[in-house]
Amino acid sequence: MNFEKLDVLSMNENTFKLINGDWMLISAKDGDKANTMTASWGGLGVLWHKKVAFIFVRPERYTKEFLDASPYFTLSFFNEDKREELQYMGKVSGRDEDKIENSSLTKKTEDEFVYFEEAKLVLKCRKLYKQKLSEDCLVDKSLVEFYQDHDYHYLYVGEIVEAMKKEV
């Protein structure tokens, strides 16, 4: 099956299920190299009159280096039958092995974007904003429990420049 371009305004997926339930792969390229990581924190919306995706990445994640090096990133969403691959991508670091090559997923590259043939939905994003979360900005101080090591996530906001969905 091939991907077809999709107007994000016609998306009818439940984004809570898509991101937190189904999970996603955040991927970016740096030259000829690429890396990806599993994530379940983020969202979709409108900011600065643009359709955006926002993601959160801890500073120690290898994928962060790729996100910082590239003006683009992708979000790839999968059906439940790829859960095992998503778990693998979340447990193994690309610093230690070529986890993309060692997975059963098929990497696709187009210009500055990297995504996966097995995805059901891909969002190609252009980075607009990056900021490290800060304890000082937490209104609900109980959220500090997520950061015992003070490894506050970085927030990335990307304009969705293209959406692709598998033809059915």
N, C-alpha and C. Protein backbone atom coordinates (compact mmCIF):
# COMPACT_ATOMS: atom_id res chain seq x y z
N MET A 1 0.84 -1.18 0.00
CA MET A 1 0.00 0.00 0.00
C MET A 1 0.88 1.24 0.00
N ASN A 2 0.45 2.24 -0.69
CA ASN A 2 1.18 3.49 -0.77
C ASN A 2 0.53 4.55 0.10
N PHE A 3 1.29 5.59 0.37
CA PHE A 3 0.77 6.72 1.11
C PHE A 3 0.07 7.68 0.17
N GLU A 4 -0.96 8.31 0.66
CA GLU A 4 -1.57 9.41 -0.08
C GLU A 4 -1.53 10.64 0.81
N LYS A 5 -1.38 11.80 0.17
CA LYS A 5 -1.37 13.05 0.93
C LYS A 5 -2.73 13.25 1.57
N LEU A 6 -2.71 13.85 2.74
CA LEU A 6 -3.92 14.03 3.52
C LEU A 6 -3.97 15.47 4.02
N ASP A 7 -5.08 16.12 3.85
CA ASP A 7 -5.29 17.44 4.43
C ASP A 7 -5.51 17.23 5.93
N VAL A 8 -4.65 17.84 6.76
CA VAL A 8 -4.77 17.60 8.20
C VAL A 8 -6.14 18.01 8.74
N LEU A 9 -6.82 18.91 8.06
CA LEU A 9 -8.16 19.30 8.51
C LEU A 9 -9.17 18.18 8.32
N SER A 10 -8.83 17.21 7.49
CA SER A 10 -9.75 16.08 7.28
C SER A 10 -9.41 14.88 8.17
N MET A 11 -8.37 15.02 9.00
CA MET A 11 -8.01 13.92 9.91
C MET A 11 -9.15 13.71 10.90
N ASN A 12 -9.52 12.47 11.10
CA ASN A 12 -10.59 12.20 12.06
C ASN A 12 -10.13 11.26 13.17
N GLU A 13 -8.81 11.09 13.31
CA GLU A 13 -8.27 10.24 14.36
C GLU A 13 -8.42 10.91 15.72
N ASN A 14 -8.63 10.11 16.75
CA ASN A 14 -8.65 10.60 18.12
C ASN A 14 -7.18 10.81 18.52
N THR A 15 -6.75 12.05 18.67
CA THR A 15 -5.33 12.31 18.92
C THR A 15 -4.88 11.80 20.29
N PHE A 16 -5.77 11.73 21.26
CA PHE A 16 -5.39 11.16 22.55
C PHE A 16 -5.03 9.69 22.38
N LYS A 17 -5.83 8.96 21.63
CA LYS A 17 -5.55 7.54 21.37
C LYS A 17 -4.32 7.41 20.48
N LEU A 18 -4.24 8.24 19.46
CA LEU A 18 -3.15 8.17 18.50
C LEU A 18 -1.80 8.34 19.20
N ILE A 19 -1.68 9.34 20.07
CA ILE A 19 -0.40 9.66 20.70
C ILE A 19 -0.17 8.84 21.97
N ASN A 20 -1.12 8.84 22.86
CA ASN A 20 -0.91 8.19 24.15
C ASN A 20 -1.25 6.71 24.12
N GLY A 21 -2.20 6.32 23.30
CA GLY A 21 -2.60 4.92 23.25
C GLY A 21 -1.81 4.11 22.24
N ASP A 22 -1.73 4.62 21.01
CA ASP A 22 -1.03 3.89 19.94
C ASP A 22 0.48 4.13 19.97
N TRP A 23 0.90 5.27 20.53
CA TRP A 23 2.29 5.73 20.55
C TRP A 23 2.70 6.19 19.15
N MET A 24 3.89 6.73 19.07
CA MET A 24 4.40 7.23 17.80
C MET A 24 5.91 7.12 17.81
N LEU A 25 6.49 7.18 16.62
CA LEU A 25 7.93 7.30 16.49
C LEU A 25 8.25 8.72 16.08
N ILE A 26 9.14 9.36 16.82
CA ILE A 26 9.69 10.67 16.46
C ILE A 26 11.00 10.39 15.76
N SER A 27 11.16 10.92 14.55
CA SER A 27 12.36 10.62 13.76
C SER A 27 12.93 11.90 13.17
N ALA A 28 14.26 11.91 13.03
CA ALA A 28 14.93 13.04 12.41
C ALA A 28 16.23 12.54 11.77
N LYS A 29 16.72 13.33 10.81
CA LYS A 29 17.95 13.02 10.09
C LYS A 29 19.02 14.03 10.43
N ASP A 30 20.26 13.58 10.34
CA ASP A 30 21.41 14.47 10.40
C ASP A 30 22.36 13.96 9.33
N GLY A 31 22.33 14.61 8.18
CA GLY A 31 23.10 14.13 7.04
C GLY A 31 22.57 12.80 6.56
N ASP A 32 23.43 11.79 6.49
CA ASP A 32 23.03 10.46 6.04
C ASP A 32 22.51 9.59 7.17
N LYS A 33 22.65 10.06 8.39
CA LYS A 33 22.24 9.27 9.55
C LYS A 33 20.84 9.69 10.00
N ALA A 34 20.14 8.75 10.61
CA ALA A 34 18.80 9.03 11.13
C ALA A 34 18.63 8.29 12.45
N ASN A 35 17.75 8.79 13.28
CA ASN A 35 17.41 8.09 14.50
C ASN A 35 15.94 8.32 14.80
N THR A 36 15.42 7.42 15.63
CA THR A 36 14.01 7.48 15.98
C THR A 36 13.82 7.05 17.42
N MET A 37 12.73 7.46 18.01
CA MET A 37 12.39 7.05 19.38
C MET A 37 10.88 6.95 19.52
N THR A 38 10.47 6.07 20.40
CA THR A 38 9.06 5.92 20.71
C THR A 38 8.65 7.02 21.67
N ALA A 39 7.46 7.56 21.50
CA ALA A 39 6.96 8.61 22.39
C ALA A 39 5.46 8.47 22.57
N SER A 40 4.99 8.93 23.71
CA SER A 40 3.56 8.94 23.97
C SER A 40 3.12 10.26 24.61
N TRP A 41 3.97 11.25 24.57
CA TRP A 41 3.65 12.59 25.05
C TRP A 41 3.69 13.54 23.87
N GLY A 42 2.67 14.35 23.73
CA GLY A 42 2.65 15.35 22.67
C GLY A 42 1.23 15.71 22.31
N GLY A 43 1.07 16.40 21.21
CA GLY A 43 -0.25 16.80 20.79
C GLY A 43 -0.25 17.44 19.42
N LEU A 44 -1.44 17.73 18.97
CA LEU A 44 -1.65 18.40 17.68
C LEU A 44 -2.58 19.58 17.94
N GLY A 45 -2.39 20.66 17.20
CA GLY A 45 -3.26 21.81 17.39
C GLY A 45 -2.92 22.94 16.44
N VAL A 46 -3.25 24.13 16.89
CA VAL A 46 -3.01 25.33 16.09
C VAL A 46 -2.25 26.33 16.97
N LEU A 47 -1.19 26.88 16.42
CA LEU A 47 -0.37 27.88 17.11
C LEU A 47 0.21 28.80 16.05
N TRP A 48 0.17 30.08 16.31
CA TRP A 48 0.69 31.06 15.36
C TRP A 48 0.01 30.92 13.99
N HIS A 49 -1.28 30.58 13.99
CA HIS A 49 -2.07 30.39 12.78
C HIS A 49 -1.55 29.25 11.91
N LYS A 50 -0.83 28.33 12.51
CA LYS A 50 -0.28 27.19 11.78
C LYS A 50 -0.78 25.90 12.42
N LYS A 51 -0.94 24.87 11.62
CA LYS A 51 -1.26 23.54 12.13
C LYS A 51 0.04 22.94 12.65
N VAL A 52 0.06 22.57 13.93
CA VAL A 52 1.31 22.16 14.55
C VAL A 52 1.19 20.82 15.27
N ALA A 53 2.34 20.23 15.46
CA ALA A 53 2.51 19.09 16.35
C ALA A 53 3.50 19.54 17.42
N PHE A 54 3.28 19.08 18.65
CA PHE A 54 4.26 19.38 19.68
C PHE A 54 4.64 18.08 20.38
N ILE A 55 5.94 17.97 20.65
CA ILE A 55 6.50 16.75 21.22
C ILE A 55 7.41 17.12 22.38
N PHE A 56 7.69 16.12 23.21
CA PHE A 56 8.54 16.32 24.38
C PHE A 56 9.62 15.25 24.37
N VAL A 57 10.88 15.67 24.54
CA VAL A 57 12.01 14.75 24.47
C VAL A 57 12.97 15.07 25.61
N ARG A 58 13.36 14.02 26.34
CA ARG A 58 14.32 14.21 27.43
C ARG A 58 15.71 14.50 26.86
N PRO A 59 16.53 15.25 27.61
CA PRO A 59 17.84 15.68 27.08
C PRO A 59 18.80 14.53 26.79
N GLU A 60 18.67 13.41 27.50
CA GLU A 60 19.62 12.31 27.29
C GLU A 60 19.28 11.43 26.10
N ARG A 61 18.15 11.64 25.49
CA ARG A 61 17.76 10.79 24.35
C ARG A 61 18.63 11.11 23.13
N TYR A 62 19.13 10.07 22.50
CA TYR A 62 19.97 10.22 21.31
C TYR A 62 19.22 10.94 20.19
N THR A 63 17.94 10.68 20.08
CA THR A 63 17.14 11.33 19.03
C THR A 63 17.16 12.85 19.16
N LYS A 64 17.33 13.36 20.37
CA LYS A 64 17.38 14.81 20.58
C LYS A 64 18.51 15.43 19.77
N GLU A 65 19.64 14.74 19.68
CA GLU A 65 20.76 15.26 18.88
C GLU A 65 20.35 15.44 17.42
N PHE A 66 19.56 14.52 16.91
CA PHE A 66 19.09 14.60 15.52
C PHE A 66 18.04 15.70 15.38
N LEU A 67 17.17 15.80 16.37
CA LEU A 67 16.16 16.88 16.35
C LEU A 67 16.84 18.24 16.35
N ASP A 68 17.89 18.38 17.12
CA ASP A 68 18.59 19.66 17.20
C ASP A 68 19.36 19.97 15.92
N ALA A 69 19.84 18.94 15.23
CA ALA A 69 20.64 19.13 14.02
C ALA A 69 19.80 19.40 12.78
N SER A 70 18.54 19.02 12.81
CA SER A 70 17.71 19.12 11.62
C SER A 70 16.60 20.16 11.80
N PRO A 71 16.23 20.84 10.73
CA PRO A 71 15.07 21.74 10.82
C PRO A 71 13.74 20.99 10.71
N TYR A 72 13.80 19.66 10.51
CA TYR A 72 12.59 18.87 10.29
C TYR A 72 12.56 17.64 11.19
N PHE A 73 11.36 17.14 11.42
CA PHE A 73 11.18 15.85 12.07
C PHE A 73 9.87 15.25 11.58
N THR A 74 9.70 13.97 11.82
CA THR A 74 8.45 13.30 11.45
C THR A 74 7.88 12.59 12.67
N LEU A 75 6.58 12.40 12.61
CA LEU A 75 5.85 11.58 13.57
C LEU A 75 5.19 10.47 12.76
N SER A 76 5.51 9.24 13.11
CA SER A 76 4.94 8.07 12.43
C SER A 76 4.06 7.32 13.41
N PHE A 77 2.85 7.00 12.98
CA PHE A 77 1.87 6.30 13.81
C PHE A 77 1.57 4.95 13.17
N PHE A 78 1.36 3.93 14.02
CA PHE A 78 1.23 2.56 13.55
C PHE A 78 -0.02 1.89 14.10
N ASN A 79 -0.40 0.79 13.46
CA ASN A 79 -1.45 -0.06 13.99
C ASN A 79 -0.89 -0.89 15.14
N GLU A 80 -1.77 -1.50 15.88
CA GLU A 80 -1.40 -2.27 17.08
C GLU A 80 -0.43 -3.41 16.77
N ASP A 81 -0.45 -3.93 15.56
CA ASP A 81 0.43 -5.07 15.25
C ASP A 81 1.91 -4.69 15.23
N LYS A 82 2.23 -3.42 15.36
CA LYS A 82 3.63 -2.98 15.39
C LYS A 82 4.07 -2.59 16.80
N ARG A 83 3.27 -2.93 17.80
CA ARG A 83 3.58 -2.57 19.19
C ARG A 83 4.95 -3.08 19.63
N GLU A 84 5.28 -4.31 19.25
CA GLU A 84 6.57 -4.88 19.66
C GLU A 84 7.73 -4.05 19.10
N GLU A 85 7.64 -3.62 17.85
CA GLU A 85 8.69 -2.78 17.26
C GLU A 85 8.78 -1.44 17.98
N LEU A 86 7.63 -0.86 18.34
CA LEU A 86 7.64 0.41 19.05
C LEU A 86 8.27 0.26 20.43
N GLN A 87 8.01 -0.84 21.10
CA GLN A 87 8.65 -1.10 22.39
C GLN A 87 10.16 -1.20 22.23
N TYR A 88 10.60 -1.91 21.20
CA TYR A 88 12.03 -2.05 20.91
C TYR A 88 12.65 -0.67 20.67
N MET A 89 12.01 0.15 19.85
CA MET A 89 12.54 1.47 19.53
C MET A 89 12.62 2.37 20.76
N GLY A 90 11.80 2.09 21.77
CA GLY A 90 11.84 2.87 23.00
C GLY A 90 12.85 2.37 24.01
N LYS A 91 13.24 1.12 23.90
CA LYS A 91 14.16 0.52 24.88
C LYS A 91 15.62 0.60 24.46
N VAL A 92 15.88 0.55 23.17
CA VAL A 92 17.24 0.48 22.66
C VAL A 92 17.67 1.87 22.20
N SER A 93 18.91 2.23 22.50
CA SER A 93 19.43 3.52 22.06
C SER A 93 20.16 3.36 20.73
N GLY A 94 19.94 4.32 19.87
CA GLY A 94 20.65 4.36 18.60
C GLY A 94 22.14 4.61 18.79
N ARG A 95 22.55 5.04 19.98
CA ARG A 95 23.98 5.19 20.27
C ARG A 95 24.67 3.82 20.34
N ASP A 96 23.90 2.83 20.78
CA ASP A 96 24.47 1.50 21.03
C ASP A 96 24.39 0.57 19.83
N GLU A 97 23.41 0.77 18.99
CA GLU A 97 23.25 -0.07 17.80
C GLU A 97 22.38 0.67 16.80
N ASP A 98 22.42 0.21 15.56
CA ASP A 98 21.55 0.79 14.54
C ASP A 98 20.17 0.14 14.69
N LYS A 99 19.37 0.72 15.59
CA LYS A 99 18.09 0.09 15.92
C LYS A 99 17.11 0.13 14.75
N ILE A 100 17.23 1.10 13.89
CA ILE A 100 16.35 1.13 12.71
C ILE A 100 16.67 -0.07 11.81
N GLU A 101 17.96 -0.27 11.56
CA GLU A 101 18.39 -1.39 10.72
C GLU A 101 18.04 -2.73 11.36
N ASN A 102 18.13 -2.79 12.68
CA ASN A 102 17.89 -4.04 13.39
C ASN A 102 16.40 -4.31 13.67
N SER A 103 15.56 -3.38 13.31
CA SER A 103 14.12 -3.57 13.50
C SER A 103 13.52 -4.21 12.25
N SER A 104 12.25 -4.52 12.33
CA SER A 104 11.56 -5.06 11.15
C SER A 104 10.89 -3.94 10.35
N LEU A 105 11.11 -2.70 10.75
CA LEU A 105 10.50 -1.57 10.04
C LEU A 105 11.35 -1.15 8.85
N THR A 106 10.69 -0.62 7.84
CA THR A 106 11.36 -0.20 6.61
C THR A 106 11.48 1.31 6.59
N LYS A 107 12.71 1.79 6.68
CA LYS A 107 12.97 3.23 6.69
C LYS A 107 12.77 3.81 5.29
N LYS A 108 12.07 4.93 5.23
CA LYS A 108 11.88 5.68 3.99
C LYS A 108 12.47 7.07 4.22
N THR A 109 13.13 7.59 3.20
CA THR A 109 13.63 8.97 3.28
C THR A 109 13.16 9.75 2.07
N GLU A 110 12.78 10.96 2.34
CA GLU A 110 12.41 11.92 1.29
C GLU A 110 12.99 13.26 1.68
N ASP A 111 13.91 13.73 0.91
CA ASP A 111 14.58 15.00 1.20
C ASP A 111 15.10 14.96 2.64
N GLU A 112 14.59 15.84 3.49
CA GLU A 112 15.06 15.93 4.87
C GLU A 112 14.24 15.08 5.83
N PHE A 113 13.32 14.30 5.32
CA PHE A 113 12.41 13.55 6.19
C PHE A 113 12.73 12.07 6.20
N VAL A 114 12.55 11.45 7.35
CA VAL A 114 12.67 10.00 7.49
C VAL A 114 11.41 9.50 8.20
N TYR A 115 10.85 8.41 7.68
CA TYR A 115 9.65 7.82 8.27
C TYR A 115 9.65 6.34 7.92
N PHE A 116 8.53 5.65 8.17
CA PHE A 116 8.52 4.21 8.04
C PHE A 116 7.36 3.74 7.16
N GLU A 117 7.69 2.82 6.26
CA GLU A 117 6.73 2.28 5.30
C GLU A 117 5.52 1.64 5.99
N GLU A 118 5.73 1.05 7.14
CA GLU A 118 4.65 0.34 7.84
C GLU A 118 3.70 1.27 8.60
N ALA A 119 3.99 2.55 8.67
CA ALA A 119 3.14 3.51 9.40
C ALA A 119 1.78 3.62 8.73
N LYS A 120 0.77 3.93 9.53
CA LYS A 120 -0.56 4.19 8.97
C LYS A 120 -0.76 5.68 8.71
N LEU A 121 0.01 6.50 9.42
CA LEU A 121 -0.09 7.96 9.30
C LEU A 121 1.28 8.55 9.58
N VAL A 122 1.69 9.51 8.76
CA VAL A 122 2.96 10.21 8.95
C VAL A 122 2.70 11.70 8.88
N LEU A 123 3.26 12.42 9.85
CA LEU A 123 3.21 13.88 9.83
C LEU A 123 4.63 14.39 9.66
N LYS A 124 4.84 15.15 8.59
CA LYS A 124 6.13 15.77 8.34
C LYS A 124 6.07 17.18 8.92
N CYS A 125 7.05 17.50 9.76
CA CYS A 125 7.01 18.76 10.49
C CYS A 125 8.28 19.57 10.29
N ARG A 126 8.11 20.89 10.25
CA ARG A 126 9.22 21.85 10.21
C ARG A 126 9.31 22.49 11.58
N LYS A 127 10.47 22.39 12.20
CA LYS A 127 10.64 22.93 13.55
C LYS A 127 10.40 24.44 13.58
N LEU A 128 9.61 24.86 14.56
CA LEU A 128 9.34 26.27 14.77
C LEU A 128 9.89 26.77 16.10
N TYR A 129 9.95 25.88 17.10
CA TYR A 129 10.23 26.32 18.45
C TYR A 129 10.80 25.18 19.27
N LYS A 130 11.71 25.52 20.20
CA LYS A 130 12.28 24.55 21.12
C LYS A 130 12.52 25.26 22.45
N GLN A 131 12.15 24.60 23.53
CA GLN A 131 12.40 25.18 24.84
C GLN A 131 12.46 24.07 25.88
N LYS A 132 13.39 24.20 26.81
CA LYS A 132 13.49 23.23 27.90
C LYS A 132 12.45 23.57 28.96
N LEU A 133 11.73 22.54 29.43
CA LEU A 133 10.80 22.74 30.52
C LEU A 133 11.59 23.07 31.78
N SER A 134 10.95 23.81 32.68
CA SER A 134 11.64 24.27 33.87
C SER A 134 10.77 24.07 35.11
N GLU A 135 11.41 23.67 36.20
CA GLU A 135 10.68 23.50 37.46
C GLU A 135 10.01 24.81 37.87
N ASP A 136 10.65 25.93 37.61
CA ASP A 136 10.09 27.24 37.98
C ASP A 136 8.75 27.49 37.29
N CYS A 137 8.54 26.88 36.15
CA CYS A 137 7.31 27.12 35.39
C CYS A 137 6.20 26.12 35.71
N LEU A 138 6.49 25.12 36.52
CA LEU A 138 5.46 24.15 36.89
C LEU A 138 4.52 24.77 37.91
N VAL A 139 3.31 25.01 37.51
CA VAL A 139 2.30 25.55 38.41
C VAL A 139 1.89 24.48 39.42
N ASP A 140 1.73 23.26 38.93
CA ASP A 140 1.41 22.12 39.77
C ASP A 140 2.74 21.47 40.18
N LYS A 141 3.21 21.78 41.36
CA LYS A 141 4.53 21.32 41.81
C LYS A 141 4.61 19.81 41.98
N SER A 142 3.47 19.11 42.01
CA SER A 142 3.52 17.65 42.12
C SER A 142 4.13 17.03 40.86
N LEU A 143 4.17 17.77 39.76
CA LEU A 143 4.74 17.25 38.52
C LEU A 143 6.26 17.09 38.59
N VAL A 144 6.87 17.67 39.61
CA VAL A 144 8.31 17.52 39.80
C VAL A 144 8.67 16.04 39.93
N GLU A 145 7.72 15.21 40.38
CA GLU A 145 7.99 13.78 40.54
C GLU A 145 8.42 13.11 39.23
N PHE A 146 8.07 13.70 38.10
CA PHE A 146 8.49 13.16 36.80
C PHE A 146 9.98 13.43 36.53
N TYR A 147 10.60 14.28 37.36
CA TYR A 147 11.96 14.75 37.09
C TYR A 147 12.86 14.60 38.31
N GLN A 148 12.93 13.39 38.84
CA GLN A 148 13.79 13.13 40.01
C GLN A 148 15.25 13.44 39.70
N ASP A 149 15.65 13.28 38.45
CA ASP A 149 17.03 13.55 38.05
C ASP A 149 17.18 14.94 37.43
N HIS A 150 16.15 15.76 37.53
CA HIS A 150 16.15 17.12 36.95
C HIS A 150 16.41 17.10 35.45
N ASP A 151 15.98 16.03 34.79
CA ASP A 151 16.17 15.88 33.34
C ASP A 151 14.91 16.33 32.61
N TYR A 152 14.61 17.59 32.74
CA TYR A 152 13.39 18.16 32.18
C TYR A 152 13.34 18.00 30.67
N HIS A 153 12.18 17.62 30.18
CA HIS A 153 11.98 17.47 28.74
C HIS A 153 12.23 18.78 28.00
N TYR A 154 12.55 18.62 26.73
CA TYR A 154 12.53 19.74 25.79
C TYR A 154 11.22 19.66 25.03
N LEU A 155 10.59 20.79 24.86
CA LEU A 155 9.38 20.91 24.05
C LEU A 155 9.82 21.35 22.65
N TYR A 156 9.33 20.65 21.64
CA TYR A 156 9.53 21.04 20.25
C TYR A 156 8.16 21.26 19.63
N VAL A 157 8.02 22.36 18.92
CA VAL A 157 6.80 22.63 18.17
C VAL A 157 7.18 22.65 16.70
N GLY A 158 6.44 21.88 15.90
CA GLY A 158 6.72 21.83 14.47
C GLY A 158 5.47 22.09 13.66
N GLU A 159 5.61 22.88 12.63
CA GLU A 159 4.50 23.08 11.70
C GLU A 159 4.34 21.82 10.87
N ILE A 160 3.13 21.32 10.78
CA ILE A 160 2.86 20.15 9.95
C ILE A 160 2.84 20.62 8.50
N VAL A 161 3.88 20.26 7.76
CA VAL A 161 3.99 20.71 6.37
C VAL A 161 3.38 19.71 5.39
N GLU A 162 3.24 18.45 5.86
CA GLU A 162 2.58 17.45 5.03
C GLU A 162 2.11 16.30 5.91
N ALA A 163 0.95 15.80 5.60
CA ALA A 163 0.42 14.61 6.27
C ALA A 163 0.21 13.54 5.21
N MET A 164 0.54 12.30 5.56
CA MET A 164 0.37 11.20 4.63
C MET A 164 -0.32 10.04 5.36
N LYS A 165 -1.27 9.44 4.68
CA LYS A 165 -2.00 8.32 5.25
C LYS A 165 -1.96 7.17 4.26
N LYS A 166 -1.97 5.96 4.78
CA LYS A 166 -1.97 4.79 3.90
C LYS A 166 -3.30 4.72 3.13
N GLU A 167 -3.17 4.44 1.85
CA GLU A 167 -4.37 4.22 1.03
C GLU A 167 -5.05 2.95 1.52
N VAL A 168 -6.37 2.97 1.56
CA VAL A 168 -7.09 1.78 2.02
C VAL A 168 -7.78 1.08 0.88
